[in-house]
């Protein structure tokens, strides 16, 4: 109803788990990685537990989409099945023909299939949603299925997804054997305040929003206060607020409209919406009081509440914080700041006009770099919004605004830039201070740059050879949400993510390593050899960026010709 009014292609806060709206918060991402790792490592039974409305079903569907093509899967959505009915449902979803109706006959069909799949090196996964409602007999059948194994591998991987009551049920004495067989336990938490902000924007962008956000910061803060980060509640409030704005002709949704939407949703103090410009028909206003929607997911990085010292400008990068959610705990680790691009004592004092010119050049080139990622937004406006006191763009904040990560590399060589293969913003020392160039293309030995005034420079290799860059800002799509320097933060989640990527790229075989062991180091060296980086076996920032470029494939820009 309000889609055309806000220039949207679809309803942004629908109940169905549409893959377009998949939002990978830090917790969602870590859980998805853990489950994929558990399946690839043949862990057997895994448990995914989360409160009502946190997105478990959406995560299960995302897991199915992420599974390798040679993995056969079944998704069981009906928890009210007997043990025999459960076996039949699994056979049906796997596309197997039932030979008989008794539990023994159904079990025989499944065992024969699992043995054949195991002999062929294929993995079979069964995901059971709403598992907290399963009967004791059905859960006991799951335990029996988990016993199907060979001396070297589990024949069936099982994911139990359910509400908090599932954890309570598994602690019951009659289910202790099943509980002891769970190899991976994941707890899905509600979104944080910042994740809620990014979640709302992501869903609107995925629905076709091209202009500015209709929700004010105060409005989104109110939504978080009411929802406490539960996606389903966020969707309810956002949908009702959009409908209320449409019915009153308001293009901006402020705290007042959100409060009205909340009151109407939960039946307290119904209020009359007064049109600011013109009135919609009464039926529309009535509709603003009676529609429900649900949950989805996706990934963005826009911090609304920003500490002025929390991000790095182009001139002096600051320390970066990496927040990781593992299970029910959140840890924060601070990576040391890279060395300043320009020393405060060595840099000549830049005059105000020169600084203004450098800031304008940096903003223009950074905007062009962002456009290489296919982002058509008004980047110039964002530059003005996310700038530092010295006038230079806050590169990390600008990148996050457009769902990208930014990594600063000091003194990169041309060989390293070619190996990384991503366009970047080079920082060179000029006669009047810092000068900025955009690395656009690397064709053999030739390097193409955009200069400070936007001019194309085809002899970039010669230019950089005479004046080596002091540093480079690389923007990248951090789909795996890795820290910029994974070796410094080699947590189990980071290792699982890296191992899974190298496995999919063919540098690792099962079982996947669980620590940074020599086998993982050899796989990293193999990848480094393939892209042209020094073969040290360490997953530092340069290797991480090259891995991100390969993972992005045709969905991201590159300075290279030929295969990515």
Protein backbone atom coordinates (compact mmCIF):
# COMPACT_ATOMS: atom_id res chain seq x y z
CA UNK A 1 0.00 0.00 0.00
CA UNK A 2 2.79 2.43 0.90
CA UNK A 3 5.35 1.01 -1.55
CA UNK A 4 4.69 3.48 -4.36
CA UNK A 5 4.57 6.43 -1.94
CA UNK A 6 8.13 5.64 -0.75
CA UNK A 7 9.34 4.52 -4.24
CA UNK A 8 9.81 0.91 -3.18
CA UNK A 9 9.74 -2.13 -5.45
CA UNK A 10 8.39 -4.45 -2.77
CA UNK A 11 7.21 -4.53 0.82
CA UNK A 12 10.38 -4.33 2.93
CA UNK A 13 9.05 -5.93 6.12
CA UNK A 14 7.24 -9.04 4.92
CA UNK A 15 6.86 -12.17 7.04
CA UNK A 16 8.16 -14.68 4.50
CA UNK A 17 11.89 -15.53 4.64
CA UNK A 18 12.77 -13.87 1.32
CA UNK A 19 16.50 -14.38 0.53
CA UNK A 20 16.72 -10.75 -0.65
CA UNK A 21 16.26 -9.58 2.91
CA UNK A 22 18.84 -11.87 4.52
CA UNK A 23 20.62 -9.78 7.15
CA UNK A 24 23.81 -11.27 8.51
CA UNK A 25 24.42 -9.70 11.86
CA UNK A 26 27.64 -10.65 13.59
CA UNK A 27 25.80 -13.34 15.56
CA UNK A 28 23.90 -14.64 12.52
CA UNK A 29 27.10 -14.84 10.53
CA UNK A 30 29.04 -16.66 13.24
CA UNK A 31 26.25 -19.20 13.73
CA UNK A 32 25.92 -19.82 10.00
CA UNK A 33 29.66 -20.32 9.74
CA UNK A 34 29.67 -22.69 12.73
CA UNK A 35 26.88 -24.81 11.26
CA UNK A 36 28.52 -24.98 7.83
CA UNK A 37 31.78 -25.90 9.53
CA UNK A 38 30.05 -28.57 11.63
CA UNK A 39 28.46 -30.11 8.54
CA UNK A 40 31.73 -30.11 6.60
CA UNK A 41 33.57 -31.55 9.64
CA UNK A 42 30.97 -34.32 10.17
CA UNK A 43 30.04 -33.24 13.72
CA UNK A 44 26.77 -35.19 13.68
CA UNK A 45 24.16 -33.32 15.71
CA UNK A 46 24.11 -29.52 15.99
CA UNK A 47 21.67 -27.35 17.95
CA UNK A 48 20.47 -23.85 17.02
CA UNK A 49 18.54 -22.18 19.83
CA UNK A 50 16.95 -18.74 19.85
CA UNK A 51 14.00 -16.87 21.30
CA UNK A 52 10.76 -16.26 19.42
CA UNK A 53 11.17 -13.98 16.40
CA UNK A 54 14.98 -13.91 16.30
CA UNK A 55 15.16 -15.45 12.82
CA UNK A 56 15.84 -19.16 13.28
CA UNK A 57 13.77 -20.26 10.29
CA UNK A 58 15.36 -17.62 8.08
CA UNK A 59 18.78 -18.80 9.23
CA UNK A 60 17.86 -22.41 8.43
CA UNK A 61 16.87 -21.42 4.90
CA UNK A 62 20.07 -19.42 4.54
CA UNK A 63 22.00 -22.51 5.65
CA UNK A 64 20.33 -24.55 2.90
CA UNK A 65 21.37 -21.95 0.31
CA UNK A 66 24.97 -21.98 1.54
CA UNK A 67 25.41 -25.75 1.42
CA UNK A 68 27.73 -27.05 -1.33
CA UNK A 69 25.95 -28.50 -4.35
CA UNK A 70 27.01 -32.05 -3.53
CA UNK A 71 25.27 -31.93 -0.12
CA UNK A 72 21.78 -33.46 -0.03
CA UNK A 73 19.42 -31.81 2.44
CA UNK A 74 15.98 -32.17 3.99
CA UNK A 75 14.07 -29.47 5.88
CA UNK A 76 11.36 -30.72 8.26
CA UNK A 77 9.04 -27.90 9.35
CA UNK A 78 6.37 -30.00 11.09
CA UNK A 79 7.46 -30.92 14.63
CA UNK A 80 4.25 -32.82 15.48
CA UNK A 81 5.33 -36.16 14.04
CA UNK A 82 5.73 -39.57 15.61
CA UNK A 83 9.06 -41.34 15.26
CA UNK A 84 7.73 -43.34 12.29
CA UNK A 85 6.18 -40.28 10.65
CA UNK A 86 9.47 -38.43 11.10
CA UNK A 87 11.36 -41.13 9.19
CA UNK A 88 8.79 -40.98 6.42
CA UNK A 89 9.03 -37.19 6.20
CA UNK A 90 12.83 -37.37 5.95
CA UNK A 91 12.62 -39.94 3.14
CA UNK A 92 10.06 -37.81 1.29
CA UNK A 93 12.13 -34.64 1.54
CA UNK A 94 15.25 -36.48 0.38
CA UNK A 95 13.30 -37.76 -2.62
CA UNK A 96 13.55 -41.42 -1.59
CA UNK A 97 10.85 -43.99 -2.29
CA UNK A 98 9.23 -45.60 0.72
CA UNK A 99 9.36 -49.40 0.73
CA UNK A 100 6.85 -50.26 3.41
CA UNK A 101 5.25 -48.32 6.24
CA UNK A 102 6.80 -49.68 9.43
CA UNK A 103 9.61 -47.92 11.23
CA UNK A 104 12.03 -50.78 10.47
CA UNK A 105 11.23 -50.67 6.74
CA UNK A 106 11.62 -46.89 6.55
CA UNK A 107 14.84 -47.05 8.53
CA UNK A 108 16.26 -49.64 6.13
CA UNK A 109 15.64 -47.37 3.13
CA UNK A 110 17.36 -44.45 4.86
CA UNK A 111 20.35 -46.52 6.00
CA UNK A 112 20.91 -47.92 2.50
CA UNK A 113 20.84 -44.41 1.06
CA UNK A 114 23.21 -43.01 3.69
CA UNK A 115 25.70 -45.85 3.15
CA UNK A 116 25.67 -45.24 -0.60
CA UNK A 117 26.08 -41.50 -0.11
CA UNK A 118 28.93 -42.01 2.35
CA UNK A 119 30.72 -44.39 -0.01
CA UNK A 120 30.47 -41.73 -2.73
CA UNK A 121 31.79 -39.02 -0.39
CA UNK A 122 28.47 -37.15 -0.30
CA UNK A 123 26.99 -35.52 2.80
CA UNK A 124 23.34 -35.72 3.86
CA UNK A 125 21.86 -33.06 6.16
CA UNK A 126 18.49 -33.00 7.93
CA UNK A 127 17.28 -29.72 9.49
CA UNK A 128 14.41 -29.92 11.97
CA UNK A 129 12.71 -26.60 12.76
CA UNK A 130 10.62 -25.95 15.90
CA UNK A 131 12.40 -28.89 17.53
CA UNK A 132 11.27 -27.79 21.01
CA UNK A 133 7.82 -29.15 20.11
CA UNK A 134 9.04 -32.59 19.04
CA UNK A 135 7.95 -35.57 21.11
CA UNK A 136 10.37 -37.51 23.29
CA UNK A 137 9.96 -40.48 20.93
CA UNK A 138 10.85 -38.39 17.87
CA UNK A 139 13.89 -36.91 19.62
CA UNK A 140 14.98 -40.40 20.61
CA UNK A 141 14.71 -41.37 16.93
CA UNK A 142 17.12 -38.50 16.17
CA UNK A 143 19.59 -40.01 18.63
CA UNK A 144 19.30 -43.36 16.87
CA UNK A 145 19.92 -41.71 13.50
CA UNK A 146 23.04 -40.06 14.91
CA UNK A 147 24.47 -43.52 15.57
CA UNK A 148 24.63 -44.22 11.83
CA UNK A 149 28.33 -43.94 11.10
CA UNK A 150 31.37 -45.60 9.61
CA UNK A 151 34.74 -45.79 11.38
CA UNK A 152 35.71 -42.49 9.74
CA UNK A 153 32.55 -40.38 9.41
CA UNK A 154 29.00 -39.69 10.53
CA UNK A 155 26.56 -40.71 7.82
CA UNK A 156 23.93 -38.11 8.71
CA UNK A 157 24.31 -34.49 9.83
CA UNK A 158 21.38 -33.20 11.90
CA UNK A 159 20.51 -29.61 12.86
CA UNK A 160 17.96 -29.13 15.64
CA UNK A 161 16.53 -25.59 15.56
CA UNK A 162 14.20 -24.45 18.30
CA UNK A 163 13.25 -21.97 20.98
CA UNK A 164 14.82 -21.77 24.43
CA UNK A 165 12.57 -24.60 25.61
CA UNK A 166 14.63 -26.95 23.43
CA UNK A 167 17.64 -26.45 25.69
CA UNK A 168 15.47 -27.26 28.71
CA UNK A 169 14.13 -30.42 27.07
CA UNK A 170 17.59 -31.64 26.14
CA UNK A 171 18.60 -31.42 29.81
CA UNK A 172 15.90 -33.91 30.79
CA UNK A 173 17.21 -37.23 32.07
CA UNK A 174 15.53 -39.31 29.35
CA UNK A 175 17.27 -37.23 26.66
CA UNK A 176 20.74 -37.08 28.21
CA UNK A 177 22.20 -39.43 25.58
CA UNK A 178 20.96 -37.13 22.80
CA UNK A 179 22.28 -34.08 24.64
CA UNK A 180 25.72 -35.65 24.97
CA UNK A 181 25.89 -36.24 21.21
CA UNK A 182 25.46 -32.58 20.25
CA UNK A 183 28.76 -31.47 18.72
CA UNK A 184 27.96 -27.78 18.14
CA UNK A 185 25.60 -25.55 20.12
CA UNK A 186 24.62 -22.11 18.83
CA UNK A 187 22.58 -19.45 20.59
CA UNK A 188 20.90 -16.85 18.36
CA UNK A 189 20.63 -13.53 20.18
CA UNK A 190 18.50 -10.50 19.29
CA UNK A 191 20.12 -7.75 17.25
CA UNK A 192 22.20 -5.12 18.98
CA UNK A 193 21.23 -1.45 18.81
CA UNK A 194 23.58 -0.75 15.89
CA UNK A 195 22.55 -3.96 14.12
CA UNK A 196 18.91 -2.93 14.41
CA UNK A 197 19.73 0.37 12.70
CA UNK A 198 21.54 -1.45 9.89
CA UNK A 199 18.83 -4.12 9.64
CA UNK A 200 16.12 -1.54 8.97
CA UNK A 201 18.17 0.24 6.32
CA UNK A 202 19.14 -3.01 4.64
CA UNK A 203 15.55 -4.16 4.26
CA UNK A 204 14.53 -0.80 2.81
CA UNK A 205 17.46 -0.80 0.36
CA UNK A 206 16.70 -4.41 -0.63
CA UNK A 207 13.12 -3.33 -1.31
CA UNK A 208 14.34 -0.66 -3.73
CA UNK A 209 14.85 2.47 -1.62
CA UNK A 210 17.31 4.69 -3.51
CA UNK A 211 17.02 7.96 -1.62
CA UNK A 212 17.58 8.91 1.98
CA UNK A 213 16.28 6.87 4.90
CA UNK A 214 12.69 7.80 5.82
CA UNK A 215 13.28 6.91 9.50
CA UNK A 216 15.00 9.47 11.71
CA UNK A 217 17.62 8.33 14.20
CA UNK A 218 15.25 9.07 17.06
CA UNK A 219 12.59 6.93 15.40
CA UNK A 220 14.96 3.98 15.02
CA UNK A 221 16.12 4.38 18.61
CA UNK A 222 12.47 4.16 19.67
CA UNK A 223 11.99 1.03 17.54
CA UNK A 224 14.97 -0.64 19.21
CA UNK A 225 13.74 0.37 22.65
CA UNK A 226 10.41 -1.35 22.00
CA UNK A 227 11.70 -4.40 20.12
CA UNK A 228 14.97 -5.00 22.00
CA UNK A 229 16.40 -6.15 18.69
CA UNK A 230 13.90 -8.93 17.96
CA UNK A 231 13.58 -8.84 14.15
CA UNK A 232 9.93 -9.85 14.07
CA UNK A 233 8.95 -7.00 16.38
CA UNK A 234 11.15 -4.59 14.40
CA UNK A 235 9.28 -5.61 11.26
CA UNK A 236 5.89 -5.10 12.87
CA UNK A 237 6.72 -1.60 14.08
CA UNK A 238 8.45 -0.51 10.86
CA UNK A 239 5.62 -1.73 8.67
CA UNK A 240 3.01 0.01 10.80
CA UNK A 241 5.06 3.22 10.93
CA UNK A 242 5.45 3.26 7.13
CA UNK A 243 1.73 2.74 6.73
CA UNK A 244 1.00 5.52 9.22
CA UNK A 245 3.34 7.87 7.36
CA UNK A 246 1.62 7.02 4.08
CA UNK A 247 -1.81 7.68 5.54
CA UNK A 248 -0.76 11.13 6.79
CA UNK A 249 1.38 12.08 3.78
CA UNK A 250 4.58 12.23 5.85
CA UNK A 251 7.81 11.59 3.94
CA UNK A 252 9.87 11.42 7.15
CA UNK A 253 9.06 8.98 9.94
CA UNK A 254 9.94 10.55 13.27
CA UNK A 255 9.65 9.43 16.86
CA UNK A 256 6.04 10.61 17.03
CA UNK A 257 4.89 8.35 14.19
CA UNK A 258 6.74 5.37 15.67
CA UNK A 259 5.10 5.93 19.05
CA UNK A 260 1.71 6.07 17.34
CA UNK A 261 2.48 2.83 15.48
CA UNK A 262 3.52 1.11 18.71
CA UNK A 263 0.35 2.22 20.50
CA UNK A 264 -1.83 1.01 17.66
CA UNK A 265 -0.02 -2.33 17.44
CA UNK A 266 -0.41 -3.24 21.08
CA UNK A 267 -3.84 -1.68 21.60
CA UNK A 268 -2.96 0.99 24.15
CA UNK A 269 -4.35 4.50 23.83
CA UNK A 270 -5.42 4.44 20.17
CA UNK A 271 -4.79 7.81 18.59
CA UNK A 272 -6.00 9.68 15.54
CA UNK A 273 -3.41 10.40 12.88
CA UNK A 274 -3.62 13.93 11.53
CA UNK A 275 -2.52 14.46 7.96
CA UNK A 276 0.35 16.95 7.65
CA UNK A 277 -0.29 17.82 4.01
CA UNK A 278 -3.41 16.04 2.81
CA UNK A 279 -5.70 13.27 3.99
CA UNK A 280 -5.93 9.73 2.72
CA UNK A 281 -9.26 7.91 2.66
CA UNK A 282 -10.50 6.72 6.03
CA UNK A 283 -10.01 3.12 4.93
CA UNK A 284 -6.27 3.73 4.59
CA UNK A 285 -6.01 5.20 8.08
CA UNK A 286 -7.93 2.22 9.39
CA UNK A 287 -5.54 -0.11 7.59
CA UNK A 288 -2.72 1.59 9.48
CA UNK A 289 -4.12 -0.03 12.61
CA UNK A 290 -4.48 -3.62 11.39
CA UNK A 291 -1.68 -5.25 9.40
CA UNK A 292 0.98 -7.68 10.65
CA UNK A 293 4.23 -8.69 9.05
CA UNK A 294 7.34 -10.66 10.01
CA UNK A 295 11.02 -11.39 9.81
CA UNK A 296 13.86 -11.65 7.30
CA UNK A 297 17.62 -10.99 7.23
CA UNK A 298 20.77 -9.49 5.18
CA UNK A 299 24.06 -7.53 5.87
CA UNK A 300 25.00 -3.86 6.14
CA UNK A 301 27.49 -1.82 8.14
CA UNK A 302 26.19 1.68 9.03
CA UNK A 303 26.81 3.01 12.50
CA UNK A 304 24.35 5.71 13.49
CA UNK A 305 25.76 6.35 16.96
CA UNK A 306 29.32 7.31 16.12
CA UNK A 307 32.08 8.29 18.47
CA UNK A 308 34.02 11.11 16.75
CA UNK A 309 37.27 9.30 17.53
CA UNK A 310 36.15 5.83 16.58
CA UNK A 311 36.99 5.93 12.87
CA UNK A 312 40.02 6.76 10.79
CA UNK A 313 40.30 9.63 8.35
CA UNK A 314 42.37 9.33 5.21
CA UNK A 315 45.23 11.13 6.90
CA UNK A 316 45.70 9.19 10.14
CA UNK A 317 44.11 5.74 10.55
CA UNK A 318 42.87 4.97 14.05
CA UNK A 319 42.54 1.71 15.93
CA UNK A 320 39.70 -0.51 14.74
CA UNK A 321 37.36 -2.55 16.90
CA UNK A 322 36.12 -5.99 15.92
CA UNK A 323 33.00 -7.19 17.70
CA UNK A 324 32.32 -10.93 17.64
CA UNK A 325 29.34 -12.82 19.03
CA UNK A 326 30.00 -16.44 19.89
CA UNK A 327 27.09 -18.28 21.43
CA UNK A 328 25.69 -16.05 24.15
CA UNK A 329 28.86 -14.03 24.69
CA UNK A 330 30.18 -11.00 22.90
CA UNK A 331 33.86 -10.16 22.92
CA UNK A 332 35.53 -7.02 21.69
CA UNK A 333 39.12 -7.03 20.53
CA UNK A 334 40.95 -3.88 19.48
CA UNK A 335 43.43 -4.16 16.64
CA UNK A 336 46.34 -1.72 16.93
CA UNK A 337 46.19 1.30 14.66
CA UNK A 338 48.33 1.20 11.53
CA UNK A 339 51.11 3.77 11.45
CA UNK A 340 50.03 7.27 10.45
CA UNK A 341 50.12 7.93 6.73
CA UNK A 342 51.91 11.20 7.36
CA UNK A 343 54.12 11.87 10.36
CA UNK A 344 53.07 14.91 12.34
CA UNK A 345 56.67 16.05 12.60
CA UNK A 346 57.82 15.26 9.08
CA UNK A 347 54.82 16.53 7.15
CA UNK A 348 55.12 20.11 5.95
CA UNK A 349 52.35 22.36 7.20
CA UNK A 350 49.62 22.30 4.58
CA UNK A 351 47.97 25.61 3.92
CA UNK A 352 44.22 25.91 4.25
CA UNK A 353 43.61 26.12 0.46
CA UNK A 354 45.92 23.14 -0.10
CA UNK A 355 44.16 21.13 2.60
CA UNK A 356 40.78 22.05 1.11
CA UNK A 357 41.96 20.95 -2.33
CA UNK A 358 43.30 17.66 -0.94
CA UNK A 359 40.04 17.02 0.91
CA UNK A 360 38.02 17.70 -2.23
CA UNK A 361 40.26 15.39 -4.27
CA UNK A 362 40.09 12.63 -1.65
CA UNK A 363 36.30 12.85 -1.44
CA UNK A 364 35.91 12.77 -5.22
CA UNK A 365 38.22 9.78 -5.68
CA UNK A 366 36.75 7.90 -2.73
CA UNK A 367 33.31 8.46 -4.24
CA UNK A 368 34.55 7.08 -7.56
CA UNK A 369 36.01 4.07 -5.74
CA UNK A 370 32.65 3.37 -4.11
CA UNK A 371 30.90 3.65 -7.48
CA UNK A 372 33.18 0.90 -8.80
CA UNK A 373 31.24 -1.35 -6.44
CA UNK A 374 28.05 -0.57 -8.36
CA UNK A 375 26.65 1.77 -5.72
CA UNK A 376 24.65 4.53 -7.46
CA UNK A 377 23.86 6.54 -4.33
CA UNK A 378 24.78 10.21 -3.95
CA UNK A 379 28.25 9.56 -2.58
CA UNK A 380 29.12 13.26 -2.55
CA UNK A 381 26.41 13.90 0.04
CA UNK A 382 27.77 11.09 2.18
CA UNK A 383 31.25 12.62 2.03
CA UNK A 384 29.93 15.82 3.52
CA UNK A 385 28.15 13.86 6.23
CA UNK A 386 31.05 11.58 7.13
CA UNK A 387 34.05 13.91 7.21
CA UNK A 388 36.71 14.59 9.81
CA UNK A 389 37.63 17.88 11.43
CA UNK A 390 40.52 18.24 8.96
CA UNK A 391 38.08 18.05 6.06
CA UNK A 392 39.23 14.62 4.84
CA UNK A 393 36.61 11.88 4.50
CA UNK A 394 36.21 9.41 7.35
CA UNK A 395 36.97 6.51 5.04
CA UNK A 396 35.91 3.70 7.38
CA UNK A 397 32.57 5.33 8.17
CA UNK A 398 31.92 6.12 4.50
CA UNK A 399 32.71 2.52 3.52
CA UNK A 400 30.45 1.11 6.23
CA UNK A 401 27.68 3.42 5.09
CA UNK A 402 27.77 1.57 1.76
CA UNK A 403 28.04 -1.94 3.25
CA UNK A 404 31.79 -2.18 2.65
CA UNK A 405 34.83 -2.65 4.86
CA UNK A 406 37.95 -0.51 4.61
CA UNK A 407 41.51 -1.66 5.32
CA UNK A 408 44.62 0.52 5.31
CA UNK A 409 47.92 -1.00 4.13
CA UNK A 410 51.13 0.99 4.72
CA UNK A 411 53.73 1.20 1.95
CA UNK A 412 52.32 -1.42 -0.43
CA UNK A 413 54.44 -2.63 -3.32
CA UNK A 414 53.10 -2.81 -6.87
CA UNK A 415 53.38 -6.60 -6.74
CA UNK A 416 51.24 -6.70 -3.60
CA UNK A 417 48.63 -4.41 -5.15
CA UNK A 418 48.43 -6.68 -8.21
CA UNK A 419 48.12 -9.79 -6.02
CA UNK A 420 45.35 -8.27 -3.92
CA UNK A 421 43.61 -7.30 -7.14
CA UNK A 422 41.19 -4.75 -5.67
CA UNK A 423 40.97 -1.06 -6.59
CA UNK A 424 42.13 1.30 -3.88
CA UNK A 425 42.82 4.88 -2.87
CA UNK A 426 46.57 5.53 -2.90
CA UNK A 427 48.13 8.14 -0.62
CA UNK A 428 51.32 9.75 -1.95
CA UNK A 429 53.49 12.50 -0.56
CA UNK A 430 53.35 15.59 -2.76
CA UNK A 431 55.19 18.88 -2.62
CA UNK A 432 52.37 20.47 -0.63
CA UNK A 433 51.43 17.47 1.49
CA UNK A 434 49.24 14.44 0.81
CA UNK A 435 48.05 13.62 -2.70
CA UNK A 436 45.46 11.00 -3.57
CA UNK A 437 45.24 8.69 -6.58
CA UNK A 438 42.73 6.00 -7.47
CA UNK A 439 44.18 2.65 -8.57
CA UNK A 440 41.87 1.59 -11.42
CA UNK A 441 43.57 -1.04 -13.55
CA UNK A 442 46.60 -3.34 -13.74
CA UNK A 443 47.16 -4.75 -17.23
CA UNK A 444 50.39 -6.69 -17.20
CA UNK A 445 53.08 -4.20 -16.23
CA UNK A 446 50.83 -1.22 -16.98
CA UNK A 447 49.03 0.58 -14.16
CA UNK A 448 46.12 2.98 -14.76
CA UNK A 449 45.38 5.64 -12.15
CA UNK A 450 42.98 8.51 -11.66
CA UNK A 451 44.87 11.59 -10.53
CA UNK A 452 43.93 14.20 -7.89
CA UNK A 453 41.93 16.17 -10.47
CA UNK A 454 40.26 13.04 -11.86
CA UNK A 455 42.60 12.85 -14.86
CA UNK A 456 43.48 9.39 -16.22
CA UNK A 457 47.14 8.45 -15.83
CA UNK A 458 48.21 5.52 -18.00
CA UNK A 459 51.85 5.48 -16.91
CA UNK A 460 50.88 4.80 -13.31
CA UNK A 461 53.64 2.25 -12.78
CA UNK A 462 56.24 4.86 -13.66
CA UNK A 463 54.56 7.41 -11.39
CA UNK A 464 54.42 5.01 -8.46
CA UNK A 465 57.96 3.85 -9.13
CA UNK A 466 59.22 7.41 -8.77
CA UNK A 467 57.01 8.15 -5.75
CA UNK A 468 56.11 4.96 -3.88
CA UNK A 469 52.77 5.21 -2.07
CA UNK A 470 52.83 5.88 1.65
CA UNK A 471 49.70 3.79 1.99
CA UNK A 472 46.53 2.58 0.33
CA UNK A 473 42.92 2.30 1.44
CA UNK A 474 41.29 -0.86 0.07
CA UNK A 475 37.51 -1.20 0.14
CA UNK A 476 36.16 -4.74 0.14
CA UNK A 477 32.97 -6.72 0.62
CA UNK A 478 33.51 -8.56 3.89
CA UNK A 479 30.91 -11.27 3.33
CA UNK A 480 32.61 -13.52 5.90
CA UNK A 481 32.92 -10.69 8.46
CA UNK A 482 36.57 -11.49 9.06
CA UNK A 483 38.78 -9.13 11.03
CA UNK A 484 41.23 -7.24 8.82
CA UNK A 485 44.09 -9.27 10.32
CA UNK A 486 42.66 -12.73 11.16
CA UNK A 487 45.99 -14.04 12.41
CA UNK A 488 45.83 -11.63 15.35
CA UNK A 489 42.36 -12.88 16.26
CA UNK A 490 42.48 -16.57 15.36
CA UNK A 491 39.31 -17.45 17.27
CA UNK A 492 37.54 -20.74 16.51
CA UNK A 493 34.99 -18.82 14.45
CA UNK A 494 37.69 -17.11 12.38
CA UNK A 495 39.53 -20.39 11.79
CA UNK A 496 36.29 -22.13 10.83
CA UNK A 497 35.44 -19.35 8.37
CA UNK A 498 38.85 -19.38 6.71
CA UNK A 499 38.99 -23.18 6.60
CA UNK A 500 35.55 -23.35 5.02
CA UNK A 501 36.49 -20.82 2.32
CA UNK A 502 39.76 -22.59 1.49
CA UNK A 503 37.87 -25.89 1.42
CA UNK A 504 35.36 -24.50 -1.10
CA UNK A 505 38.22 -23.10 -3.20
CA UNK A 506 39.94 -26.50 -3.28
CA UNK A 507 42.91 -25.79 -1.00
CA UNK A 508 41.68 -27.99 1.88
CA UNK A 509 40.06 -31.40 2.22
CA UNK A 510 37.87 -32.87 4.95
CA UNK A 511 38.03 -33.03 7.88
CA UNK A 512 38.54 -29.30 8.27
CA UNK A 513 41.12 -28.10 10.81
CA UNK A 514 39.91 -26.59 14.08
CA UNK A 515 43.14 -24.75 14.93
CA UNK A 516 45.76 -22.87 12.96
CA UNK A 517 47.63 -26.11 12.39
CA UNK A 518 50.29 -26.82 9.72
CA UNK A 519 47.66 -28.18 7.32
CA UNK A 520 45.82 -24.86 7.36
CA UNK A 521 49.12 -23.03 6.90
CA UNK A 522 49.88 -25.14 3.82
CA UNK A 523 46.46 -24.31 2.40
CA UNK A 524 47.08 -20.60 2.95
CA UNK A 525 50.47 -20.91 1.22
CA UNK A 526 48.79 -22.62 -1.72
CA UNK A 527 46.35 -19.74 -2.03
CA UNK A 528 49.13 -17.17 -1.70
CA UNK A 529 51.08 -18.92 -4.44
CA UNK A 530 48.04 -18.84 -6.72
CA UNK A 531 47.45 -15.09 -6.36
CA UNK A 532 51.11 -14.01 -6.26
CA UNK A 533 51.65 -13.09 -2.61
CA UNK A 534 54.71 -14.07 -0.55
CA UNK A 535 54.20 -17.65 0.64
CA UNK A 536 54.49 -17.27 4.41
CA UNK A 537 51.41 -19.34 5.30
CA UNK A 538 50.08 -16.51 7.48
CA UNK A 539 46.64 -15.05 6.98
CA UNK A 540 47.49 -11.36 7.28
CA UNK A 541 45.64 -8.34 5.87
CA UNK A 542 46.99 -8.71 2.32
CA UNK A 543 46.02 -12.38 2.07
CA UNK A 544 42.62 -11.60 3.60
CA UNK A 545 41.96 -8.94 0.96
CA UNK A 546 43.01 -11.26 -1.86
CA UNK A 547 40.74 -13.97 -0.45
CA UNK A 548 37.85 -11.49 -0.28
CA UNK A 549 38.39 -10.57 -3.93
CA UNK A 550 38.34 -14.22 -5.02
CA UNK A 551 35.25 -14.95 -2.91
CA UNK A 552 33.41 -11.92 -4.36
CA UNK A 553 34.23 -13.10 -7.89
CA UNK A 554 32.21 -11.37 -10.57
CA UNK A 555 30.14 -9.55 -7.95
CA UNK A 556 32.96 -7.17 -7.08
CA UNK A 557 35.37 -4.90 -8.96
CA UNK A 558 38.95 -5.86 -9.72
CA UNK A 559 41.99 -4.18 -11.25
CA UNK A 560 42.96 -7.43 -12.98
CA UNK A 561 42.22 -8.76 -16.44
CA UNK A 562 41.07 -12.30 -17.10
CA UNK A 563 39.85 -14.83 -14.47
CA UNK A 564 39.38 -13.60 -10.92
